[in-house]
Amino acid sequence: MTCADGTAFTGTVDNLTTHRRFGLEPTTFAQFARHNAAMFRGDAEYRVTP
């Protein structure tokens, strides 16, 4: 698989700098997707996170 710039895609890179800065616990994509499933389906009401 190649990237848009023609270089080889070698996988994901985890950069947790922002997570650490804001005291957030990293999650897997599966956790993120489950948490946001209603939004992805279009079932969730728009709300702003405080």
C-alpha atoms as a PDB file:
ATOM      1  CA  MET A   1       0.000   0.000   0.000  1.00  0.00           C
ATOM      2  CA  THR A   2       1.275   3.500  -0.765  1.00  0.00           C
ATOM      3  CA  CYS A   3       0.482   6.956   0.570  1.00  0.00           C
ATOM      4  CA  ALA A   4      -0.738   9.844  -1.565  1.00  0.00           C
ATOM      5  CA  ASP A   5       2.839  11.099  -1.920  1.00  0.00           C
ATOM      6  CA  GLY A   6       3.960   7.715  -3.289  1.00  0.00           C
ATOM      7  CA  THR A   7       5.839   6.588  -0.204  1.00  0.00           C
ATOM      8  CA  ALA A   8       5.167   3.193   1.309  1.00  0.00           C
ATOM      9  CA  PHE A   9       2.578   3.007   4.070  1.00  0.00           C
ATOM     10  CA  THR A  10       4.184   1.235   6.999  1.00  0.00           C
ATOM     11  CA  GLY A  11       1.344   1.413   9.518  1.00  0.00           C
ATOM     12  CA  THR A  12       0.192   3.810  12.179  1.00  0.00           C
ATOM     13  CA  VAL A  13       2.341   5.993  14.369  1.00  0.00           C
ATOM     14  CA  ASP A  14       1.183   6.645  17.900  1.00  0.00           C
ATOM     15  CA  ASN A  15       1.931  10.185  18.993  1.00  0.00           C
ATOM     16  CA  LEU A  16       0.482  10.616  22.465  1.00  0.00           C
ATOM     17  CA  THR A  17       1.826  14.109  23.111  1.00  0.00           C
ATOM     18  CA  THR A  18      -1.617  15.720  22.964  1.00  0.00           C
ATOM     19  CA  HIS A  19      -3.153  13.003  25.130  1.00  0.00           C
ATOM     20  CA  ARG A  20      -0.515  13.611  27.799  1.00  0.00           C
ATOM     21  CA  ARG A  21      -0.855  17.397  27.558  1.00  0.00           C
ATOM     22  CA  PHE A  22      -4.588  17.256  28.282  1.00  0.00           C
ATOM     23  CA  GLY A  23      -4.508  14.276  30.648  1.00  0.00           C
ATOM     24  CA  LEU A  24      -6.470  12.012  28.297  1.00  0.00           C
ATOM     25  CA  GLU A  25      -6.310   8.242  28.299  1.00  0.00           C
ATOM     26  CA  PRO A  26      -5.481   6.810  24.857  1.00  0.00           C
ATOM     27  CA  THR A  27      -8.133   4.578  23.269  1.00  0.00           C
ATOM     28  CA  THR A  28      -8.155   2.065  20.468  1.00  0.00           C
ATOM     29  CA  PHE A  29      -9.994   2.849  17.257  1.00  0.00           C
ATOM     30  CA  ALA A  30     -12.576   0.216  18.212  1.00  0.00           C
ATOM     31  CA  GLN A  31     -13.264   2.046  21.496  1.00  0.00           C
ATOM     32  CA  PHE A  32     -13.518   5.372  19.663  1.00  0.00           C
ATOM     33  CA  ALA A  33     -15.887   3.894  17.053  1.00  0.00           C
ATOM     34  CA  ARG A  34     -18.145   2.268  19.666  1.00  0.00           C
ATOM     35  CA  HIS A  35     -18.312   5.492  21.674  1.00  0.00           C
ATOM     36  CA  ASN A  36     -19.227   7.518  18.574  1.00  0.00           C
ATOM     37  CA  ALA A  37     -21.366   4.928  16.720  1.00  0.00           C
ATOM     38  CA  ALA A  38     -24.595   6.936  16.978  1.00  0.00           C
ATOM     39  CA  MET A  39     -22.902  10.000  15.504  1.00  0.00           C
ATOM     40  CA  PHE A  40     -21.460   7.970  12.614  1.00  0.00           C
ATOM     41  CA  ARG A  41     -24.932   6.536  11.904  1.00  0.00           C
ATOM     42  CA  GLY A  42     -26.441  10.031  11.970  1.00  0.00           C
ATOM     43  CA  ASP A  43     -28.589   9.180  15.014  1.00  0.00           C
ATOM     44  CA  ALA A  44     -26.905  11.500  17.494  1.00  0.00           C
ATOM     45  CA  GLU A  45     -28.030  15.007  18.215  1.00  0.00           C
ATOM     46  CA  TYR A  46     -25.314  17.630  17.712  1.00  0.00           C
ATOM     47  CA  ARG A  47     -23.813  18.804  20.980  1.00  0.00           C
ATOM     48  CA  VAL A  48     -20.705  20.682  21.952  1.00  0.00           C
ATOM     49  CA  THR A  49     -18.424  19.093  24.491  1.00  0.00           C
ATOM     50  CA  PRO A  50     -17.795  21.561  27.325  1.00  0.00           C
END
